[in-house]
Protein backbone atom coordinates (compact mmCIF):
# COMPACT_ATOMS: atom_id res chain seq x y z
CA MET A 1 106.84 82.29 25.46
CA VAL A 2 105.48 80.22 22.58
CA VAL A 3 101.92 78.96 23.22
CA GLY A 4 101.23 77.49 19.79
CA GLU A 5 103.02 76.56 16.62
CA PHE A 6 102.77 80.05 15.17
CA THR A 7 101.56 82.06 18.15
CA GLN A 8 103.70 83.99 20.59
CA GLU A 9 102.74 85.61 23.88
CA THR A 10 104.05 88.77 25.53
CA ASP A 11 103.14 91.05 28.40
CA LEU A 12 103.69 94.23 26.38
CA LEU A 13 103.55 94.49 22.60
CA ILE A 14 104.85 97.65 20.94
CA ILE A 15 103.96 98.21 17.30
CA GLY A 16 106.44 100.59 15.67
CA GLY A 17 110.19 100.92 16.16
CA GLY A 18 110.61 104.69 15.95
CA PRO A 19 111.77 106.98 18.80
CA GLY A 20 108.51 106.59 20.73
CA GLY A 21 108.38 102.84 20.27
CA TYR A 22 111.94 101.92 21.12
CA HIS A 23 112.15 104.30 24.08
CA ALA A 24 108.96 102.75 25.46
CA ALA A 25 110.34 99.27 24.85
CA PHE A 26 113.69 99.86 26.53
CA ARG A 27 112.09 101.61 29.51
CA ALA A 28 109.42 98.96 29.94
CA ALA A 29 112.03 96.18 29.81
CA ALA A 30 114.19 98.05 32.32
CA ASN A 31 111.09 98.17 34.55
CA GLY A 32 110.85 94.39 34.42
CA ILE A 33 108.07 94.07 31.84
CA SER A 34 108.38 91.30 29.22
CA THR A 35 108.40 93.37 26.02
CA THR A 36 108.18 92.61 22.30
CA ILE A 37 108.53 95.24 19.58
CA VAL A 38 107.28 94.72 16.03
CA ASP A 39 108.37 96.91 13.13
CA ALA A 40 107.50 96.49 9.47
CA SER A 41 110.97 97.55 8.30
CA GLY A 42 112.76 95.16 10.61
CA LYS A 43 114.93 98.02 11.89
CA LEU A 44 114.68 100.18 14.97
CA GLY A 45 114.84 103.94 14.58
CA GLY A 46 111.79 104.58 12.46
CA ILE A 47 111.40 107.35 9.92
CA CYS A 48 113.41 109.74 12.10
CA LEU A 49 116.60 107.72 11.91
CA HIS A 50 116.36 106.09 8.51
CA CYS A 51 114.70 108.67 6.27
CA GLY A 52 113.92 111.74 8.34
CA CYS A 53 115.60 113.69 11.15
CA ILE A 54 119.07 112.16 11.03
CA PRO A 55 119.67 111.99 7.24
CA SER A 56 118.30 115.50 6.74
CA LYS A 57 120.52 116.97 9.47
CA THR A 58 123.51 115.18 7.98
CA TYR A 59 122.91 116.82 4.61
CA LEU A 60 122.05 120.16 6.20
CA TYR A 61 125.44 120.15 7.92
CA MET A 62 127.11 119.55 4.56
CA ALA A 63 125.21 122.50 3.10
CA GLU A 64 126.22 124.58 6.13
CA LEU A 65 129.88 123.74 5.50
CA LEU A 66 129.55 124.95 1.92
CA HIS A 67 127.91 128.18 3.05
CA THR A 68 130.51 128.76 5.77
CA SER A 69 133.34 128.31 3.28
CA SER A 70 131.74 130.95 1.04
CA LEU A 71 131.54 133.42 3.97
CA ALA A 72 135.20 132.90 4.80
CA GLY A 73 136.21 135.10 1.89
CA GLN A 74 134.93 138.13 3.83
CA MET A 75 137.49 137.31 6.51
CA GLY A 76 140.40 136.98 4.12
CA ILE A 77 140.32 133.20 3.83
CA LYS A 78 139.75 131.86 0.34
CA PHE A 79 138.96 128.28 -0.62
CA ASP A 80 138.88 126.73 -4.04
CA LYS A 81 135.39 126.10 -5.39
CA PRO A 82 134.10 122.97 -3.60
CA LYS A 83 133.72 119.77 -5.58
CA LEU A 84 130.86 117.54 -4.58
CA ASP A 85 131.22 113.76 -4.64
CA ILE A 86 127.56 112.77 -4.37
CA ASP A 87 128.33 109.09 -3.91
CA LYS A 88 130.62 109.79 -0.94
CA MET A 89 128.14 112.28 0.52
CA ARG A 90 125.39 109.70 0.31
CA GLY A 91 127.77 107.13 1.74
CA TRP A 92 128.53 109.32 4.75
CA LYS A 93 124.81 109.72 5.42
CA GLU A 94 124.36 105.95 5.22
CA HIS A 95 127.33 105.45 7.57
CA VAL A 96 125.73 107.78 10.12
CA VAL A 97 122.40 105.94 9.91
CA GLU A 98 123.97 102.49 10.11
CA LYS A 99 126.09 103.44 13.12
CA LEU A 100 123.11 104.74 15.06
CA ALA A 101 120.93 101.82 13.99
CA GLY A 102 123.62 99.42 15.19
CA GLY A 103 123.61 101.15 18.55
CA LEU A 104 119.86 100.59 18.88
CA GLU A 105 120.27 96.91 18.08
CA GLN A 106 122.81 96.60 20.89
CA LEU A 107 120.45 98.36 23.31
CA CYS A 108 117.67 96.02 22.25
CA LYS A 109 119.83 93.03 23.21
CA LYS A 110 121.01 94.69 26.41
CA HIS A 111 117.45 95.28 27.60
CA LYS A 112 116.33 91.82 26.39
CA VAL A 113 113.59 93.27 24.22
CA GLU A 114 112.42 90.81 21.58
CA LYS A 115 112.36 92.40 18.12
CA ILE A 116 110.17 90.98 15.38
CA SER A 117 110.26 92.05 11.75
CA GLY A 118 106.82 92.13 10.19
CA LYS A 119 103.67 94.08 9.52
CA ALA A 120 101.22 93.92 12.40
CA ARG A 121 97.45 94.24 12.20
CA PHE A 122 94.91 93.65 14.94
CA GLU A 123 92.76 90.52 15.01
CA SER A 124 91.11 91.28 18.36
CA ARG A 125 91.58 93.28 21.56
CA GLY A 126 94.33 90.90 22.58
CA THR A 127 95.98 89.56 19.43
CA VAL A 128 97.70 90.79 16.29
CA ALA A 129 98.61 88.97 13.11
CA VAL A 130 102.15 89.64 11.90
CA GLU A 131 102.71 89.39 8.18
CA GLY A 132 106.21 88.26 7.20
CA ALA A 133 107.25 86.99 10.64
CA GLU A 134 107.96 83.47 11.90
CA ALA A 135 105.38 83.98 14.63
CA SER A 136 102.32 84.82 12.58
CA ARG A 137 100.29 85.78 15.64
CA ILE A 138 101.10 87.53 18.91
CA LYS A 139 98.92 87.44 21.98
CA PHE A 140 99.44 90.38 24.33
CA LYS A 141 98.24 91.65 27.69
CA ARG A 142 98.89 95.31 26.81
CA ALA A 143 99.94 97.05 23.62
CA ILE A 144 101.37 100.41 22.56
CA ILE A 145 100.78 101.69 19.03
CA ALA A 146 103.68 103.88 17.87
CA THR A 147 103.47 103.58 14.11
CA GLY A 148 104.28 107.20 13.26
CA SER A 149 103.25 109.01 10.10
CA LYS A 150 103.96 109.27 6.38
CA PRO A 151 104.01 112.12 3.81
CA ILE A 152 100.71 113.37 2.38
CA ARG A 153 100.30 112.98 -1.37
CA LEU A 154 98.52 115.45 -3.63
CA LYS A 155 95.64 113.30 -4.80
CA GLY A 156 94.48 114.01 -8.33
CA ILE A 157 97.52 116.18 -9.02
CA GLU A 158 100.61 114.05 -8.47
CA VAL A 159 101.86 111.90 -11.32
CA ASP A 160 103.51 108.53 -10.91
CA SER A 161 107.05 109.51 -11.83
CA GLU A 162 110.53 109.11 -10.36
CA ASN A 163 110.84 112.86 -10.83
CA VAL A 164 108.08 113.54 -8.28
CA ILE A 165 109.45 112.72 -4.83
CA ASP A 166 108.59 113.07 -1.17
CA SER A 167 111.00 113.72 1.70
CA THR A 168 112.08 110.08 1.77
CA GLY A 169 113.00 110.17 -1.92
CA ALA A 170 114.80 113.48 -1.50
CA LEU A 171 117.00 112.08 1.25
CA GLU A 172 118.13 109.21 -0.96
CA LEU A 173 120.05 111.90 -2.90
CA PRO A 174 120.22 110.01 -6.20
CA SER A 175 121.59 113.14 -7.89
CA VAL A 176 121.48 116.93 -7.71
CA PRO A 177 118.93 118.18 -10.24
CA LYS A 178 119.49 121.43 -12.09
CA THR A 179 116.01 122.64 -11.13
CA MET A 180 113.71 121.64 -8.30
CA LEU A 181 110.22 122.72 -7.26
CA VAL A 182 109.36 122.38 -3.58
CA ILE A 183 105.61 122.28 -2.91
CA GLY A 184 105.04 123.40 0.67
CA GLY A 185 106.70 126.08 2.78
CA GLY A 186 106.81 124.18 6.05
CA TYR A 187 109.95 123.10 7.87
CA ILE A 188 110.53 119.90 5.86
CA GLY A 189 110.22 121.63 2.50
CA LEU A 190 112.48 124.51 3.51
CA GLU A 191 115.13 122.27 5.08
CA LEU A 192 115.33 120.01 2.04
CA GLY A 193 115.09 123.01 -0.29
CA GLN A 194 118.17 124.47 1.38
CA VAL A 195 119.98 121.13 1.12
CA TYR A 196 119.48 120.96 -2.63
CA ALA A 197 120.11 124.67 -3.15
CA GLY A 198 123.33 124.33 -1.16
CA PHE A 199 124.37 121.44 -3.39
CA GLY A 200 123.72 123.47 -6.54
CA SER A 201 120.05 123.11 -7.54
CA GLU A 202 117.94 126.06 -8.63
CA VAL A 203 115.10 125.78 -6.12
CA THR A 204 111.63 127.29 -6.33
CA VAL A 205 109.22 127.08 -3.37
CA VAL A 206 105.45 127.33 -3.68
CA GLU A 207 103.23 127.78 -0.61
CA MET A 208 99.41 128.17 -0.50
CA LEU A 209 99.44 130.37 2.62
CA PRO A 210 100.52 134.04 2.69
CA HIS A 211 103.62 133.20 4.78
CA LEU A 212 106.20 130.48 5.32
CA LEU A 213 106.44 128.40 8.52
CA PRO A 214 102.93 129.15 9.80
CA GLY A 215 103.73 127.95 13.35
CA ALA A 216 106.50 130.48 13.93
CA ASP A 217 106.24 134.20 14.75
CA LYS A 218 106.87 136.33 11.68
CA ASP A 219 109.65 138.38 13.29
CA LEU A 220 111.62 135.17 13.84
CA THR A 221 111.18 134.05 10.25
CA ARG A 222 112.36 137.32 8.65
CA PRO A 223 116.11 136.57 8.75
CA LEU A 224 115.47 133.15 7.24
CA ILE A 225 113.17 134.50 4.53
CA LYS A 226 115.81 137.07 3.59
CA ARG A 227 118.35 134.25 3.20
CA LEU A 228 115.93 132.09 1.24
CA LYS A 229 115.21 134.87 -1.23
CA GLU A 230 118.95 135.09 -1.90
CA GLN A 231 119.44 131.32 -2.04
CA PHE A 232 116.32 130.18 -3.92
CA GLU A 233 115.28 131.14 -7.42
CA GLU A 234 111.79 132.11 -6.27
CA VAL A 235 109.61 131.96 -3.15
CA CYS A 236 105.97 132.04 -4.28
CA LEU A 237 103.31 132.60 -1.61
CA GLU A 238 99.52 132.33 -1.89
CA THR A 239 100.05 130.03 -4.85
CA LYS A 240 99.08 126.40 -5.36
CA VAL A 241 99.83 123.63 -7.81
CA THR A 242 96.83 122.62 -9.93
CA GLY A 243 98.38 120.01 -12.17
CA MET A 244 101.49 118.04 -13.13
CA LYS A 245 102.49 116.24 -16.32
CA GLU A 246 105.60 114.19 -16.98
CA VAL A 247 107.55 115.37 -20.00
CA LYS A 248 110.99 114.69 -21.39
CA GLY A 249 113.55 115.91 -18.87
CA GLY A 250 111.19 116.54 -15.97
CA ILE A 251 107.73 117.65 -14.90
CA ASP A 252 105.52 120.38 -16.33
CA VAL A 253 103.59 122.06 -13.52
CA GLU A 254 100.45 124.20 -13.60
CA PHE A 255 99.95 126.90 -10.96
CA ASP A 256 97.24 129.22 -9.72
CA GLY A 257 97.61 132.14 -7.32
CA LYS A 258 99.14 135.52 -6.59
CA SER A 259 102.78 134.65 -7.30
CA VAL A 260 103.04 132.08 -10.08
CA PRO A 261 106.65 130.95 -10.72
CA SER A 262 108.28 132.15 -13.93
CA SER A 263 109.31 128.59 -14.77
CA LYS A 264 106.75 125.87 -15.41
CA LYS A 265 109.12 122.94 -15.95
CA PHE A 266 111.31 121.34 -13.28
CA GLU A 267 113.70 118.41 -13.31
CA LYS A 268 112.45 117.29 -9.89
CA VAL A 269 109.35 118.11 -7.83
CA LEU A 270 109.44 117.63 -4.07
CA VAL A 271 105.99 117.32 -2.47
CA SER A 272 106.14 118.42 1.16
CA VAL A 273 102.65 119.40 2.26
CA GLY A 274 102.40 117.62 5.58
CA ARG A 275 102.09 114.15 7.07
CA PHE A 276 99.25 111.83 8.10
CA PRO A 277 99.14 109.02 10.67
CA ASN A 278 100.04 105.40 9.93
CA SER A 279 96.80 103.99 11.37
CA ARG A 280 94.71 102.87 8.42
CA GLU A 281 96.33 99.48 7.82
CA LEU A 282 96.27 98.36 11.46
CA GLU A 283 92.62 97.20 11.35
CA LEU A 284 92.01 99.08 14.58
CA SER A 285 88.26 98.46 14.55
CA LYS A 286 88.87 94.78 15.33
CA ALA A 287 90.49 95.90 18.58
CA GLY A 288 87.87 98.52 19.37
CA VAL A 289 90.35 101.37 18.91
CA GLU A 290 88.79 104.55 17.53
CA THR A 291 90.33 107.30 15.39
CA ASP A 292 89.20 110.79 14.47
CA GLU A 293 88.20 111.83 10.96
CA ARG A 294 91.85 112.38 9.98
CA GLY A 295 92.99 108.96 11.18
CA PHE A 296 94.64 110.05 14.43
CA ILE A 297 94.08 107.56 17.26
CA LYS A 298 91.95 108.91 20.10
CA VAL A 299 93.67 108.75 23.49
CA ASP A 300 93.13 110.18 26.96
CA ALA A 301 95.68 112.12 29.01
CA ASN A 302 97.45 108.86 29.86
CA PHE A 303 97.65 107.66 26.22
CA LYS A 304 94.93 105.06 26.70
CA THR A 305 92.82 104.41 23.59
CA THR A 306 89.15 103.48 23.58
CA THR A 307 90.27 99.95 24.43
CA GLU A 308 91.41 99.53 28.03
CA SER A 309 94.59 97.52 27.33
CA ILE A 310 95.79 99.40 24.23
CA TYR A 311 97.71 102.68 24.22
CA ALA A 312 99.11 104.98 21.53
CA ILE A 313 101.90 107.58 21.37
CA GLY A 314 103.75 109.79 18.91
CA ASP A 315 102.70 111.03 15.48
CA VAL A 316 99.82 108.58 15.29
CA ILE A 317 97.95 110.48 18.04
CA GLY A 318 98.43 113.94 16.54
CA ASN A 319 100.39 117.16 16.68
CA PRO A 320 103.02 118.17 17.38
CA MET A 321 104.60 115.45 15.24
CA LEU A 322 108.04 115.60 16.81
CA ALA A 323 110.44 112.78 17.65
CA HIS A 324 111.36 114.24 21.05
CA LYS A 325 107.68 114.45 22.01
CA ALA A 326 107.16 110.81 21.06
CA LEU A 327 110.18 109.52 22.96
CA ASN A 328 109.15 111.37 26.11
CA GLU A 329 105.62 110.02 25.78
CA GLY A 330 107.03 106.51 25.43
CA THR A 331 109.19 106.86 28.52
CA VAL A 332 106.35 108.22 30.66
CA LEU A 333 103.91 105.58 29.46
CA ALA A 334 106.36 102.73 30.13
CA ASP A 335 106.79 103.98 33.69
CA ARG A 336 103.02 104.21 34.16
CA LEU A 337 102.59 100.65 32.93
CA ALA A 338 105.14 99.60 35.57
CA GLY A 339 103.00 101.21 38.26
CA LYS A 340 104.96 104.43 38.67
CA ASN A 341 103.15 107.70 39.30
CA GLU A 342 104.27 109.48 36.12
CA VAL A 343 102.32 111.95 33.98
CA PHE A 344 103.00 113.66 30.67
CA GLU A 345 102.29 117.32 31.40
CA PRO A 346 104.99 119.41 29.68
CA ARG A 347 104.70 123.16 29.92
CA ALA A 348 106.80 123.48 26.78
CA ILE A 349 107.65 121.22 23.84
CA PRO A 350 110.43 122.80 21.77
CA ALA A 351 110.14 123.13 18.00
CA VAL A 352 113.21 123.54 15.81
CA VAL A 353 113.45 124.33 12.11
CA PHE A 354 116.94 123.22 11.09
CA THR A 355 117.31 125.66 8.23
CA ASP A 356 120.16 128.16 8.02
CA PRO A 357 119.61 130.27 10.03
CA GLU A 358 117.74 127.95 12.37
CA ILE A 359 114.48 128.90 14.06
CA ALA A 360 113.52 127.47 17.45
CA TRP A 361 110.77 128.24 19.91
CA ALA A 362 109.26 126.86 23.09
CA GLY A 363 106.24 127.68 25.18
CA VAL A 364 103.77 130.27 23.96
CA THR A 365 104.55 132.17 20.76
CA GLU A 366 103.66 135.84 20.53
CA SER A 367 100.91 135.02 18.02
CA GLN A 368 99.43 132.37 20.31
CA ALA A 369 99.55 134.71 23.30
CA LYS A 370 97.56 137.33 21.40
CA GLU A 371 95.04 134.74 20.21
CA GLN A 372 94.59 133.53 23.80
CA GLY A 373 94.23 137.08 25.14
CA LEU A 374 97.23 136.76 27.46
CA ASP A 375 98.67 139.90 29.03
CA ILE A 376 102.31 139.73 27.99
CA THR A 377 105.52 141.71 27.70
CA VAL A 378 107.74 140.91 24.72
CA LYS A 379 111.46 141.70 24.72
CA LYS A 380 114.00 140.91 22.01
CA ILE A 381 117.48 141.82 20.78
CA PRO A 382 118.85 141.37 17.26
CA TRP A 383 122.18 139.58 17.04
CA GLY A 384 123.94 142.62 15.70
CA ALA A 385 124.45 143.37 19.40
CA SER A 386 126.19 140.02 20.01
CA GLY A 387 129.97 140.07 20.02
CA ARG A 388 130.06 136.38 19.16
CA ALA A 389 127.66 136.79 16.22
CA VAL A 390 129.66 139.72 14.85
CA ALA A 391 132.94 137.80 15.23
CA VAL A 392 131.70 134.82 13.20
CA GLY A 393 129.87 136.95 10.65
CA ARG A 394 126.41 135.63 11.54
CA THR A 395 124.38 138.56 12.81
CA ASP A 396 121.29 137.25 11.00
CA GLY A 397 119.50 136.34 14.19
CA THR A 398 117.23 137.42 17.03
CA THR A 399 116.57 136.27 20.59
CA LYS A 400 113.07 136.91 21.90
CA LEU A 401 111.46 136.32 25.30
CA ILE A 402 107.78 136.47 26.19
CA PHE A 403 106.89 137.22 29.81
CA GLU A 404 103.63 137.28 31.73
CA LYS A 405 102.94 140.88 32.61
CA GLY A 406 103.00 141.51 36.33
CA SER A 407 104.70 138.30 37.46
CA ASN A 408 107.47 138.50 34.79
CA ARG A 409 107.23 134.71 34.50
CA LEU A 410 108.69 133.35 31.27
CA LEU A 411 105.94 132.03 29.00
CA GLY A 412 107.84 131.58 25.76
CA MET A 413 111.19 131.86 24.04
CA GLY A 414 112.02 132.20 20.36
CA ILE A 415 115.41 132.24 18.68
CA CYS A 416 116.42 132.72 15.06
CA GLY A 417 120.07 132.23 14.19
CA VAL A 418 122.82 129.66 13.80
CA HIS A 419 122.54 126.84 16.34
CA ALA A 420 119.23 128.13 17.69
CA GLY A 421 118.16 124.54 18.19
CA GLU A 422 121.03 123.94 20.59
CA MET A 423 120.10 126.97 22.70
CA ILE A 424 116.33 126.58 22.98
CA ALA A 425 116.70 123.97 25.75
CA GLU A 426 117.46 126.78 28.21
CA GLY A 427 114.06 128.25 27.44
CA VAL A 428 112.33 124.88 27.85
CA HIS A 429 113.99 124.37 31.22
CA ALA A 430 113.17 127.88 32.39
CA ILE A 431 109.50 127.54 31.42
CA GLU A 432 109.23 124.13 33.11
CA MET A 433 110.75 125.55 36.32
CA GLY A 434 108.52 128.62 36.32
CA ALA A 435 111.48 131.00 35.96
CA VAL A 436 110.99 134.75 35.94
CA ALA A 437 113.01 137.43 34.15
CA TYR A 438 115.29 137.93 37.15
CA ASP A 439 116.26 134.25 37.13
CA LEU A 440 117.41 134.42 33.53
CA ALA A 441 119.11 137.79 33.90
CA SER A 442 121.01 136.78 37.04
CA THR A 443 122.19 133.44 35.63
CA ILE A 444 125.81 133.92 34.56
CA HIS A 445 126.16 133.04 30.89
CA PRO A 446 129.61 132.53 29.33
CA HIS A 447 130.97 135.40 27.26
CA PRO A 448 131.25 135.74 24.35
CA THR A 449 128.51 133.31 23.32
CA LEU A 450 125.26 133.44 21.44
CA SER A 451 123.48 132.01 24.50
CA GLU A 452 124.24 135.10 26.60
CA MET A 453 121.70 136.97 24.50
CA VAL A 454 119.04 135.28 26.65
CA ALA A 455 120.36 137.08 29.73
CA GLU A 456 120.73 140.33 27.81
CA VAL A 457 117.08 140.23 26.74
CA ALA A 458 115.95 139.35 30.28
CA HIS A 459 117.89 142.36 31.64
CA GLN A 460 115.52 144.59 29.66
CA MET A 461 112.79 143.69 32.15
CA GLY A 462 114.64 145.72 34.78
């Protein structure tokens, strides 16, 4: 409802059109709440859809196809050397994004959510100014901040060059460089490193810590690390970048550490050292909303900020920065705002690294259990024992279950191997339902499948 020439009024204002924001908007509207969503890009889907989860998985599948075709020779099937049409590959990625974005637009209309394109910043506890929109001001009764996060830059080291890119730039796929340095051994750096290596780049990874993927148990990362050492030129741990300089044909890089790369010049440098919240340009202080020292918005268990009528969800409130966490938070919060007795109390939030092989885990990891002093029993089986894995030539995997000693209740599950991300949901469900080893072992799994390894591991508990 318009209450002034340039002012608009809404019951619920959502700032940010990513998975958390649009799920909250659609759910709130379905609950009968007048809802407006503002996004700076003018498109729903956020980073995840437009320059994150979806584009990266599209390219990772292409890289997987190339790898699968190379393995086929072992089975007596030979293909000609693949020819890459980068323009068509990029076009397919854009087609995927546009199709999904179009679907969100239709849902927005279906749920009668008003979408406004513009950059929002708070003026008070009840109004925001919207730069670039017809309605320059929105008055709201309640608001949800779901503005997500952006890549961290290496201050004082990075140079302003088109040859130094972040994950967004990498997913634009302007070309396939001959050489690429990936700074950061987390999931984003390794996924994109495998994409470019699969497409033909000579990839070097540098990580400050003594191991890759710090959140995952080391036994789950071993099959992946073995593959990466074959696929990448170098994997350099306990090493950091101390300087960059643009030169003809690329970037000269200075290093310091235990495992300095043999090459110092790279055509492209991908900086992937983490993400920080999109909170600093919202002028939160004008609305009385507080953040911590890193810029994450402070919220209580029900996502309420330090201002009674303003809430926050997703990356902007902290780890884990995962799209599926944000969308579930948005759904729960929208129900709470409609008066429903909903709470966000997951026992397990799955994490998936979409490398090849994939790594997925849910619940407590073995490392976390030891740090917390939990009394646990750990059981696992390598995929060399899986008929399905042997048949498809992908025995580079492991299924691992972590049980509470005495009760045999499942506390955590970890999987390394192809399509691990598709299988981890069983572990999430089992943990949420309080399943014990007998429940998993006695559940009939189809044979021959990779998923039946869960039952096989559970059988080891007797």
